[in-house]
Protein backbone atom coordinates (compact mmCIF):
# COMPACT_ATOMS: atom_id res chain seq x y z
CA MET A 1 0.00 0.00 0.00
CA THR A 2 1.15 3.54 -0.71
CA TYR A 3 -0.10 7.01 0.25
CA ALA A 4 -1.37 9.77 -2.02
CA ILE A 5 -1.59 13.53 -1.61
CA THR A 6 -5.04 14.89 -2.42
CA GLN A 7 -6.95 18.08 -3.17
CA THR A 8 -6.29 20.09 -0.01
CA CYS A 9 -2.47 20.00 -0.30
CA CYS A 10 -1.04 23.29 0.98
CA SER A 11 2.51 22.63 -0.33
CA ASP A 12 4.24 23.90 2.82
CA ALA A 13 6.53 20.81 2.75
CA THR A 14 5.92 19.66 6.32
CA CYS A 15 5.40 16.18 4.88
CA VAL A 16 8.70 16.39 3.00
CA ALA A 17 10.61 17.00 6.21
CA VAL A 18 9.35 13.83 7.91
CA CYS A 19 9.58 11.40 4.97
CA PRO A 20 12.38 8.87 5.71
CA VAL A 21 12.81 7.70 2.09
CA ASN A 22 12.67 10.91 0.03
CA CYS A 23 9.48 9.92 -1.80
CA ILE A 24 7.69 13.31 -1.78
CA HIS A 25 8.53 15.87 -4.46
CA PRO A 26 9.23 18.55 -5.39
CA THR A 27 11.22 19.30 -2.25
CA PRO A 28 12.12 22.85 -1.20
CA GLN A 29 15.61 22.24 -2.54
CA GLU A 30 14.33 21.41 -6.05
CA ARG A 31 13.78 24.02 -8.72
CA ALA A 32 10.16 22.93 -9.29
CA PHE A 33 9.18 23.66 -5.67
CA GLY A 34 6.53 26.36 -5.57
CA SER A 35 5.66 25.98 -9.25
CA THR A 36 3.54 22.84 -9.02
CA GLU A 37 -0.09 22.85 -7.92
CA MET A 38 0.60 20.30 -5.19
CA LEU A 39 3.22 17.90 -3.87
CA HIS A 40 3.28 14.26 -4.97
CA ILE A 41 4.17 10.90 -3.40
CA ASP A 42 6.12 8.40 -5.50
CA PRO A 43 4.21 5.09 -5.20
CA LYS A 44 7.31 3.08 -6.09
CA THR A 45 9.32 4.56 -3.21
CA CYS A 46 6.70 5.02 -0.50
CA ILE A 47 7.16 2.54 2.37
CA ASP A 48 3.73 3.06 3.94
CA CYS A 49 5.08 4.51 7.19
CA GLY A 50 2.33 7.15 7.44
CA ALA A 51 4.66 9.84 8.79
CA CYS A 52 3.56 12.28 6.09
CA ALA A 53 -0.13 11.79 6.88
CA ASP A 54 0.51 12.39 10.58
CA ALA A 55 2.45 15.59 9.85
CA CYS A 56 0.15 17.10 7.20
CA PRO A 57 -1.44 20.27 8.63
CA VAL A 58 -4.45 20.11 6.28
CA ASP A 59 -5.29 16.37 6.25
CA ALA A 60 -4.47 15.98 2.57
CA ILE A 61 -2.66 12.61 2.69
CA PHE A 62 -4.40 9.22 2.75
CA PRO A 63 -3.63 5.55 1.99
CA VAL A 64 -4.48 4.86 -1.64
CA ASP A 65 -6.63 1.85 -0.79
CA SER A 66 -8.86 3.97 1.47
CA LEU A 67 -9.42 6.89 -0.90
CA PRO A 68 -13.14 7.61 -1.40
CA VAL A 69 -14.48 7.43 -4.94
CA ALA A 70 -14.30 11.21 -5.38
CA GLN A 71 -10.57 11.19 -4.63
CA GLN A 72 -9.36 8.05 -6.34
CA GLU A 73 -8.01 10.12 -9.24
CA TYR A 74 -5.27 11.34 -6.92
CA ALA A 75 -3.57 7.96 -6.89
CA THR A 76 -3.12 8.37 -10.65
CA ILE A 77 -2.14 12.04 -10.34
CA ASN A 78 0.60 11.24 -7.82
CA ALA A 79 1.97 8.37 -9.89
CA ALA A 80 1.81 10.35 -13.14
CA TYR A 81 4.11 13.02 -11.73
CA TYR A 82 6.92 10.44 -11.68
CA ALA A 83 6.20 8.81 -15.05
CA ASP A 84 8.95 10.67 -16.94
CA ARG A 85 11.16 11.74 -14.03
CA GLU A 86 14.65 10.52 -13.30
CA PRO A 87 14.98 9.01 -9.82
CA GLU A 88 16.20 11.47 -7.20
CA PRO A 89 19.75 10.80 -5.92
CA ALA A 90 19.98 8.96 -2.63
CA PRO A 91 20.87 11.12 0.38
CA ASP A 92 24.52 11.19 1.43
CA GLY A 93 25.57 10.30 4.95
CA PRO A 94 23.56 9.15 7.98
CA ASN A 95 22.46 12.64 9.02
CA PHE A 96 21.97 14.23 5.61
CA HIS A 97 18.44 15.00 4.40
CA ALA A 98 18.38 16.51 0.91
CA TRP A 99 14.62 16.73 1.28
CA ASP A 100 14.64 18.48 4.66
CA GLU A 101 12.19 21.24 5.56
CA PRO A 102 12.67 24.65 3.90
CA SER A 103 15.31 26.55 5.80
CA PHE A 104 17.79 29.39 5.52
CA PRO A 105 21.07 29.74 7.45
CA ARG A 106 20.46 31.06 10.95
CA VAL A 107 23.14 33.59 11.86
CA LEU A 108 22.01 34.86 15.27
CA PRO A 109 24.58 33.96 17.97
CA SER A 110 23.22 32.02 20.93
CA ASP A 111 24.26 34.76 23.37
CA PHE A 112 22.53 37.51 21.37
CA ALA A 113 20.00 39.52 23.39
CA PRO A 114 16.38 38.51 22.61
CA LEU A 115 14.91 40.62 19.86
CA LYS A 116 11.61 42.42 20.33
CA VAL A 117 9.68 41.89 17.07
CA ALA A 118 6.18 43.06 16.13
CA VAL A 119 4.26 41.09 13.50
CA VAL A 120 1.25 42.81 11.92
CA GLY A 121 -1.20 40.22 10.60
CA THR A 122 -2.25 36.79 11.89
CA GLY A 123 -2.77 35.03 8.56
CA PRO A 124 -0.44 32.28 7.30
CA ALA A 125 2.31 34.69 6.18
CA GLY A 126 2.53 36.38 9.56
CA MET A 127 2.20 33.15 11.53
CA TYR A 128 4.93 31.35 9.57
CA ALA A 129 7.19 34.29 10.50
CA VAL A 130 6.12 34.03 14.14
CA GLN A 131 6.71 30.28 14.12
CA ASP A 132 10.17 30.76 12.67
CA LEU A 133 11.10 33.39 15.26
CA LEU A 134 9.81 31.38 18.23
CA LEU A 135 11.29 28.02 17.19
CA HIS A 136 14.70 29.24 16.03
CA THR A 137 15.41 32.31 18.17
CA SER A 138 14.65 33.66 21.64
CA ALA A 139 12.69 36.60 20.19
CA GLU A 140 9.73 38.11 22.00
CA VAL A 141 6.84 38.75 19.64
CA THR A 142 4.04 41.31 19.63
CA LEU A 143 1.30 39.92 17.39
CA ILE A 144 -1.24 42.40 16.00
CA ASP A 145 -4.35 42.16 13.84
CA ARG A 146 -6.88 44.85 12.98
CA LEU A 147 -9.70 42.26 13.12
CA PRO A 148 -11.15 40.85 16.35
CA GLU A 149 -10.35 37.30 15.14
CA THR A 150 -7.12 35.66 14.06
CA GLY A 151 -6.49 33.75 10.86
CA GLY A 152 -6.50 36.18 7.95
CA LEU A 153 -7.40 34.41 4.70
CA VAL A 154 -7.40 30.99 6.38
CA ARG A 155 -10.37 32.17 8.43
CA PHE A 156 -12.06 34.60 6.06
CA GLY A 157 -10.87 33.53 2.60
CA VAL A 158 -11.15 29.72 2.55
CA ALA A 159 -14.57 28.34 1.61
CA PRO A 160 -16.47 26.87 4.57
CA ASP A 161 -16.90 23.53 2.77
CA HIS A 162 -13.10 23.13 2.80
CA PRO A 163 -12.62 22.48 6.53
CA ALA A 164 -9.40 20.51 6.02
CA THR A 165 -7.69 23.55 4.49
CA ARG A 166 -8.81 25.65 7.44
CA LYS A 167 -7.13 23.18 9.81
CA VAL A 168 -3.78 24.82 9.17
CA GLY A 169 -5.09 27.55 11.46
CA ASP A 170 -4.97 25.05 14.33
CA THR A 171 -1.25 24.65 13.72
CA PHE A 172 -0.74 28.38 14.11
CA ALA A 173 -3.12 28.79 17.07
CA ARG A 174 -0.66 27.15 19.46
CA PHE A 175 1.62 30.16 19.02
CA HIS A 176 -1.08 32.63 20.03
CA THR A 177 -0.64 31.62 23.66
CA HIS A 178 3.13 31.10 23.57
CA PRO A 179 4.83 32.61 26.64
CA ARG A 180 6.93 34.89 24.42
CA VAL A 181 3.92 36.24 22.50
CA ARG A 182 1.69 39.19 23.37
CA MET A 183 -1.31 39.48 21.08
CA HIS A 184 -3.52 42.49 20.33
CA LEU A 185 -6.65 41.97 18.23
CA GLY A 186 -8.87 44.77 16.96
CA LEU A 187 -5.86 47.07 16.70
CA ASP A 188 -5.38 48.80 13.35
CA VAL A 189 -1.82 49.89 12.62
CA GLY A 190 -2.22 53.17 10.75
CA ALA A 191 -5.50 54.10 12.45
CA ASP A 192 -5.30 53.11 16.14
CA VAL A 193 -1.51 53.24 16.38
CA THR A 194 1.01 54.60 13.90
CA ALA A 195 3.78 52.71 12.20
CA GLN A 196 6.21 55.06 13.93
CA GLU A 197 4.81 54.22 17.36
CA LEU A 198 5.06 50.52 16.63
CA ALA A 199 8.67 50.84 15.46
CA ALA A 200 9.61 52.97 18.47
CA HIS A 201 8.83 50.09 20.85
CA HIS A 202 10.41 47.18 18.93
CA ASP A 203 13.71 46.19 17.34
CA ALA A 204 11.90 45.20 14.16
CA VAL A 205 8.42 45.17 12.64
CA ILE A 206 7.19 42.61 10.10
CA TYR A 207 4.11 43.54 8.06
CA ALA A 208 2.02 40.59 6.88
CA VAL A 209 -1.09 42.51 5.86
CA GLY A 210 -1.91 40.65 2.64
CA ALA A 211 -3.75 42.09 -0.33
CA SER A 212 -7.11 43.44 0.76
CA ALA A 213 -8.33 45.15 -2.43
CA ASP A 214 -9.46 43.86 -5.82
CA ARG A 215 -8.15 44.07 -9.33
CA THR A 216 -10.63 45.81 -11.59
CA LEU A 217 -11.89 44.96 -15.06
CA ALA A 218 -11.94 48.62 -16.14
CA VAL A 219 -15.01 48.11 -18.31
CA PRO A 220 -18.16 50.27 -18.54
CA GLY A 221 -20.84 49.35 -16.01
CA GLU A 222 -18.45 47.72 -13.56
CA GLU A 223 -19.79 49.86 -10.71
CA LEU A 224 -23.47 49.01 -11.32
CA SER A 225 -25.48 47.48 -8.51
CA GLY A 226 -25.19 43.70 -8.77
CA SER A 227 -21.53 43.87 -9.84
CA ILE A 228 -19.61 42.55 -6.83
CA SER A 229 -16.05 41.48 -6.22
CA ALA A 230 -15.57 37.82 -5.37
CA ARG A 231 -13.47 38.97 -2.41
CA ALA A 232 -16.50 40.79 -0.98
CA PHE A 233 -18.73 37.77 -1.61
CA VAL A 234 -16.28 35.40 0.11
CA ALA A 235 -16.00 37.78 3.06
CA TRP A 236 -19.81 37.87 3.28
CA TYR A 237 -20.34 34.11 3.44
CA ASN A 238 -17.44 33.71 5.87
CA GLY A 239 -18.81 36.31 8.29
CA HIS A 240 -16.03 38.87 7.91
CA PRO A 241 -16.58 41.75 10.34
CA ASP A 242 -16.40 44.27 7.49
CA ALA A 243 -19.15 42.51 5.46
CA ALA A 244 -22.73 43.58 6.17
CA PRO A 245 -25.12 40.60 6.55
CA ASP A 246 -27.51 42.10 3.98
CA ALA A 247 -24.79 43.01 1.47
CA ILE A 248 -25.63 40.27 -1.06
CA ASP A 249 -28.87 39.83 -3.03
CA LEU A 250 -29.32 36.29 -4.39
CA SER A 251 -32.52 36.86 -6.34
CA ALA A 252 -30.81 36.27 -9.71
CA GLU A 253 -31.32 32.89 -11.38
CA ARG A 254 -28.09 33.17 -13.35
CA VAL A 255 -24.83 34.53 -11.95
CA VAL A 256 -21.85 35.34 -14.16
CA VAL A 257 -18.40 34.96 -12.60
CA VAL A 258 -15.60 36.74 -14.43
CA GLY A 259 -12.50 34.59 -14.00
CA ASN A 260 -11.81 30.87 -13.72
CA GLY A 261 -9.32 30.50 -10.90
CA ASN A 262 -9.87 28.63 -7.65
CA VAL A 263 -11.73 31.56 -6.08
CA ALA A 264 -14.11 31.55 -9.04
CA LEU A 265 -14.75 27.84 -8.52
CA ASP A 266 -15.27 28.43 -4.79
CA VAL A 267 -17.94 31.09 -5.23
CA ALA A 268 -19.68 29.09 -7.95
CA ARG A 269 -19.77 25.99 -5.76
CA ILE A 270 -21.09 27.88 -2.73
CA LEU A 271 -23.80 29.58 -4.78
CA LEU A 272 -25.13 26.21 -5.93
CA ALA A 273 -24.35 24.08 -2.88
CA ASP A 274 -26.99 22.19 -0.96
CA PRO A 275 -27.82 24.46 2.01
CA ASP A 276 -28.32 21.43 4.25
CA GLY A 277 -24.74 20.42 3.55
CA LEU A 278 -23.47 23.94 4.19
CA ALA A 279 -25.38 23.96 7.49
CA ARG A 280 -22.81 21.45 8.78
CA THR A 281 -20.00 23.94 8.14
CA ASP A 282 -19.19 27.22 9.88
CA ILE A 283 -20.68 29.36 7.08
CA ALA A 284 -22.15 32.61 8.40
CA ASP A 285 -25.78 32.24 9.50
CA HIS A 286 -26.93 35.19 7.39
CA ALA A 287 -25.29 33.68 4.29
CA LEU A 288 -26.89 30.27 4.87
CA ALA A 289 -30.32 31.88 5.24
CA ALA A 290 -29.82 33.90 2.04
CA LEU A 291 -28.67 30.81 0.10
CA ARG A 292 -31.72 28.86 1.29
CA ALA A 293 -34.01 31.62 0.05
CA GLY A 294 -31.97 32.42 -3.07
CA LYS A 295 -32.93 31.66 -6.65
CA VAL A 296 -29.51 30.96 -8.22
CA ARG A 297 -29.63 27.89 -10.47
CA GLU A 298 -26.81 28.54 -12.92
CA VAL A 299 -23.33 30.00 -12.58
CA VAL A 300 -21.32 30.90 -15.70
CA LEU A 301 -17.54 31.14 -15.43
CA LEU A 302 -15.93 33.35 -18.08
CA GLY A 303 -12.34 32.67 -19.11
CA ARG A 304 -10.44 34.84 -21.57
CA ARG A 305 -8.31 31.94 -22.78
CA GLY A 306 -8.91 28.27 -23.52
CA PRO A 307 -9.36 25.30 -21.16
CA GLU A 308 -5.70 24.37 -21.40
CA ASP A 309 -4.80 27.72 -19.80
CA ALA A 310 -7.47 27.86 -17.11
CA ALA A 311 -6.30 29.41 -13.84
CA TYR A 312 -7.94 26.89 -11.50
CA THR A 313 -5.94 23.93 -10.23
CA ARG A 314 -6.65 20.46 -11.49
CA SER A 315 -7.55 19.29 -7.99
CA GLU A 316 -10.27 21.91 -7.54
CA LEU A 317 -11.84 21.11 -10.92
CA LEU A 318 -11.80 17.40 -10.12
CA ALA A 319 -13.57 18.07 -6.83
CA LEU A 320 -16.20 20.15 -8.61
CA GLN A 321 -17.07 17.20 -10.85
CA HIS A 322 -18.06 15.15 -7.81
CA VAL A 323 -20.50 17.58 -6.17
CA PRO A 324 -23.83 15.71 -5.88
CA GLY A 325 -26.71 17.16 -7.87
CA LEU A 326 -24.50 19.66 -9.70
CA ASP A 327 -24.02 19.50 -13.47
CA LEU A 328 -20.84 20.78 -15.11
CA VAL A 329 -21.15 21.97 -18.71
CA VAL A 330 -18.69 23.39 -21.23
CA ASP A 331 -20.17 26.02 -23.57
CA ASP A 332 -19.17 24.76 -26.99
CA HIS A 333 -19.51 28.16 -28.71
CA ASP A 334 -15.87 28.29 -29.90
CA PRO A 335 -14.30 25.44 -31.93
CA ARG A 336 -10.97 26.04 -30.20
CA THR A 337 -12.47 24.86 -26.90
CA GLY A 338 -13.58 21.49 -28.23
CA ALA A 339 -10.34 21.05 -30.18
CA ALA A 340 -8.23 21.60 -27.05
CA ILE A 341 -10.29 19.11 -25.06
CA ASP A 342 -10.27 16.49 -27.83
CA GLU A 343 -6.53 16.82 -28.34
CA ALA A 344 -5.90 16.41 -24.63
CA GLY A 345 -8.20 13.41 -24.48
CA SER A 346 -6.41 11.71 -27.36
CA GLY A 347 -3.17 11.52 -25.42
CA THR A 348 -1.33 14.75 -26.20
CA GLY A 349 -0.94 16.62 -22.95
CA ALA A 350 -3.19 14.05 -21.25
CA GLN A 351 -2.32 15.37 -17.81
CA GLY A 352 -3.24 18.93 -18.69
CA LYS A 353 -6.29 20.82 -17.50
CA ALA A 354 -8.15 20.43 -20.80
CA ALA A 355 -7.95 16.65 -20.43
CA LEU A 356 -10.05 16.82 -17.27
CA LEU A 357 -12.98 18.10 -19.35
CA ARG A 358 -13.08 15.30 -21.90
CA ASP A 359 -16.03 13.57 -20.18
CA VAL A 360 -17.86 16.82 -19.37
CA THR A 361 -21.04 17.62 -21.33
CA ARG A 362 -20.66 20.21 -24.08
CA ASP A 363 -23.57 22.39 -25.09
CA ARG A 364 -24.33 25.47 -27.17
CA VAL A 365 -26.11 27.66 -24.63
CA ASP A 366 -28.75 30.19 -25.66
CA TRP A 367 -27.90 33.09 -23.37
CA ALA A 368 -31.04 35.02 -24.25
CA GLN A 369 -33.09 32.36 -22.43
CA PRO A 370 -33.44 31.71 -18.68
CA PRO A 371 -31.21 29.01 -17.16
CA ALA A 372 -32.01 25.37 -17.87
CA PRO A 373 -33.69 23.31 -15.11
CA GLY A 374 -31.51 21.96 -12.32
CA ARG A 375 -28.26 23.33 -10.91
CA ARG A 376 -25.27 23.72 -13.17
CA ILE A 377 -21.95 25.46 -13.68
CA VAL A 378 -21.12 26.49 -17.24
CA LEU A 379 -17.47 26.93 -18.22
CA ARG A 380 -17.28 29.44 -21.06
CA PHE A 381 -13.79 29.85 -22.47
CA HIS A 382 -12.48 32.37 -25.04
CA SER A 383 -14.84 35.03 -23.68
CA ALA A 384 -13.70 38.48 -22.62
CA PRO A 385 -16.21 40.76 -20.85
CA VAL A 386 -16.23 44.25 -22.31
CA GLU A 387 -19.30 45.85 -20.71
CA MET A 388 -21.84 45.30 -17.96
CA LEU A 389 -25.25 46.32 -19.20
CA GLY A 390 -28.00 48.09 -17.29
CA GLU A 391 -29.03 51.54 -16.13
CA GLU A 392 -28.81 51.30 -12.34
CA ALA A 393 -28.30 47.57 -11.87
CA VAL A 394 -26.67 44.81 -13.91
CA ARG A 395 -28.97 43.22 -16.48
CA GLY A 396 -26.39 41.52 -18.65
CA VAL A 397 -22.75 41.14 -19.65
CA ARG A 398 -21.47 41.83 -23.15
CA VAL A 399 -18.57 39.56 -24.11
CA VAL A 400 -16.24 39.40 -27.09
CA GLN A 401 -15.74 35.99 -28.68
CA SER A 402 -14.27 34.66 -31.90
CA SER A 403 -17.56 35.11 -33.79
CA GLY A 404 -18.16 38.66 -32.60
CA GLU A 405 -20.06 39.72 -29.49
CA ARG A 406 -22.64 38.08 -27.30
CA THR A 407 -24.82 39.31 -24.43
CA ILE A 408 -25.35 37.01 -21.47
CA ARG A 409 -28.47 37.82 -19.47
CA THR A 410 -27.79 38.09 -15.74
CA ASP A 411 -28.66 40.23 -12.73
CA MET A 412 -25.46 39.48 -10.81
CA VAL A 413 -21.79 39.51 -11.73
CA LEU A 414 -18.96 38.40 -9.47
CA ARG A 415 -15.50 39.65 -10.42
CA ALA A 416 -12.93 36.96 -9.53
CA ILE A 417 -9.86 38.31 -11.30
CA GLY A 418 -7.46 38.61 -8.40
CA TYR A 419 -6.54 40.57 -5.30
CA ARG A 420 -4.42 43.67 -4.96
CA GLY A 421 -2.37 45.10 -2.12
CA VAL A 422 -3.16 48.52 -0.68
CA PRO A 423 -0.74 51.12 0.70
CA VAL A 424 0.38 50.63 4.30
CA ALA A 425 0.51 53.84 6.32
CA GLY A 426 4.11 54.87 6.83
CA LEU A 427 5.59 52.45 4.25
CA PRO A 428 6.58 52.99 0.61
CA PHE A 429 4.27 51.47 -1.98
CA ASP A 430 4.60 50.40 -5.60
CA GLU A 431 1.32 51.26 -7.34
CA THR A 432 2.18 49.12 -10.34
CA THR A 433 2.66 45.85 -8.45
CA GLY A 434 0.52 46.63 -5.41
CA THR A 435 3.41 45.67 -3.10
CA VAL A 436 5.86 47.28 -0.69
CA PRO A 437 9.33 47.61 -2.29
CA HIS A 438 11.83 45.39 -0.49
CA GLU A 439 15.08 43.45 -0.71
CA GLY A 440 14.78 39.95 0.71
CA GLY A 441 11.87 41.19 2.81
CA ARG A 442 13.64 44.35 4.06
CA VAL A 443 11.57 47.44 3.27
CA ALA A 444 13.52 49.82 1.07
CA GLY A 445 14.83 52.83 2.96
CA GLN A 446 13.35 51.80 6.33
CA PRO A 447 15.80 49.91 8.58
CA GLY A 448 14.05 47.56 10.98
CA THR A 449 10.91 47.25 8.83
CA TYR A 450 10.10 44.07 6.89
CA VAL A 451 7.32 42.52 4.80
CA VAL A 452 6.13 38.98 4.17
CA GLY A 453 3.35 37.34 2.17
CA TRP A 454 1.24 38.96 -0.53
CA ILE A 455 2.17 42.52 0.42
CA LYS A 456 5.76 41.43 -0.25
CA ARG A 457 5.51 39.30 -3.37
CA GLY A 458 2.03 40.08 -4.76
CA PRO A 459 -1.15 38.00 -4.53
CA SER A 460 0.20 34.69 -5.76
CA GLY A 461 0.92 31.36 -4.16
CA GLY A 462 -1.14 29.38 -1.68
CA ILE A 463 -0.76 28.81 2.04
CA GLY A 464 2.46 26.83 1.82
CA ALA A 465 4.24 29.44 -0.30
CA ASN A 466 4.28 31.69 2.75
CA ARG A 467 6.58 29.34 4.62
CA THR A 468 9.66 29.89 2.48
CA CYS A 469 8.66 33.53 1.99
CA ALA A 470 8.64 34.03 5.77
CA ALA A 471 11.92 32.15 6.18
CA GLU A 472 13.61 34.52 3.75
CA THR A 473 12.30 37.60 5.57
CA VAL A 474 13.25 36.31 9.02
CA THR A 475 16.73 35.42 7.79
CA THR A 476 17.17 38.97 6.45
CA LEU A 477 15.99 40.36 9.78
CA LEU A 478 18.43 38.22 11.77
CA ALA A 479 21.31 39.13 9.48
CA ASP A 480 20.51 42.82 10.02
CA ALA A 481 20.44 42.26 13.79
CA VAL A 482 23.90 40.70 13.79
CA ALA A 483 25.22 43.47 11.54
CA GLY A 484 23.93 46.08 14.00
CA ALA A 485 21.60 47.51 11.33
CA LEU A 486 18.45 47.51 13.45
CA PRO A 487 17.56 50.88 14.99
CA ALA A 488 17.40 50.79 18.78
CA PRO A 489 13.82 51.06 20.12
CA ARG A 490 13.15 54.21 22.15
CA SER A 491 10.69 52.52 24.50
CA ALA A 492 10.10 49.03 25.88
CA PRO A 493 7.41 46.71 24.42
CA LYS A 494 5.60 46.83 27.78
CA ALA A 495 4.88 50.50 27.16
CA PHE A 496 3.45 49.58 23.78
CA HIS A 497 1.16 46.97 25.34
CA ARG A 498 -0.27 49.61 27.65
CA LEU A 499 -0.73 51.93 24.68
CA ALA A 500 -2.38 49.16 22.65
CA ARG A 501 -4.86 48.30 25.40
CA ARG A 502 -5.97 51.92 25.55
CA ARG A 503 -6.43 52.17 21.79
CA THR A 504 -7.90 48.77 20.92
CA ARG A 505 -11.14 49.42 19.09
CA GLY A 506 -14.08 49.42 21.48
CA GLY A 507 -11.72 50.13 24.37
CA SER A 508 -11.76 46.49 25.40
CA ALA A 509 -8.62 45.07 26.92
CA ALA A 510 -10.14 41.62 26.45
CA LEU A 511 -8.82 41.59 22.90
CA SER A 512 -5.26 41.96 24.14
CA ARG A 513 -3.28 39.19 25.74
């Protein structure tokens, strides 16, 4: 028996570090690490020890012979990754692990005075940095979040029907109560306290504030009522404090989603999910009630390019094909779509994304008519939205396709085309990339200030990508400490904690620990 990695893989390489036979790839030391959609177990090398399954923070690893029907494809996916690969060289020496966990040289002497470090943001990026500091140094950490709950995108960005992915938050939660951590929730750096005040009380500050705005389509009608960002919709169904319970109207029968990445698949799936099934998750009560009363029966996903270039991961599309009572349809309006799928199905590029659609129904949809009976998701490739139609509210989307233009009737459009970082008070900002300029995580021109996560590298990469990103930033910080490049704080962190308790929104010290 062998193990297989499945849909919820976060690629943070915890499993790689515990594997005794080097059977999980790509490892952090391999060039392909970070570029694949998931990690893979070599069935020919796996010795069925189960160490990887025990270590996985998101419960993504299972014995092949116990995979449920909906996940049996992952046995093939794992094996296929090794079909044309040369065997990895055996490790050298009894204590050498070429596949060890991602790490950077630690340069802080053991007798170095404990650093006082503030980390702004409790999502995966910030918590990987906190974990690194606590496990590898004697640093004392001030952990800050503007929201009254921890977790960032793990809490407010992951769909509620993906509880295994959310489990990574449990891994981080143990650090919230660490004896060298003081945590302040509901404290907004830039509004409640300034970046200068934060820096004045700490040796270093790491900003892990993510990307909290949306990319725009820049098409006429984008601001009409009924045109909503997918980020706002996800925040609404996850109960984000900034999302009003009555912010979303689900009276439309057809919803058009612009984009075909994983977020697009998430919102489509939630819109059409069985409310009784969602009731067993931690979806917000107001969202569950609205979905029960809603009229959505069809969700159309628009992709500018073909199925071979779709932005979603193969694992998320596979999962979508196994949702009970939900039909998946490919709009066969463009001959290039069918050609790409047929070519993939014939063997050329058989592991590509187009190949996953070879058994999916194809149909020429009449968009002037109401949705067909039942619940279905329609994948419409080679379609670029150029205008949202309507006077005060959305009544349709005009798209450009190979044969000209087409209008799709709809009263609701979700824009799922990506996130964008916003300026951080007191820090430089690159408007083009939506990031803070940095070198190895060190903010340009501001000694003692660092960034990690999406505000550092842009909104790309999943949960696991933040682990190596955080390691790089922490290594830069420690190197600066040894070089004497960190500015000396003017006040002690204890003074900051008193300041924070006074300024925590609502005046409640209960949100500070």
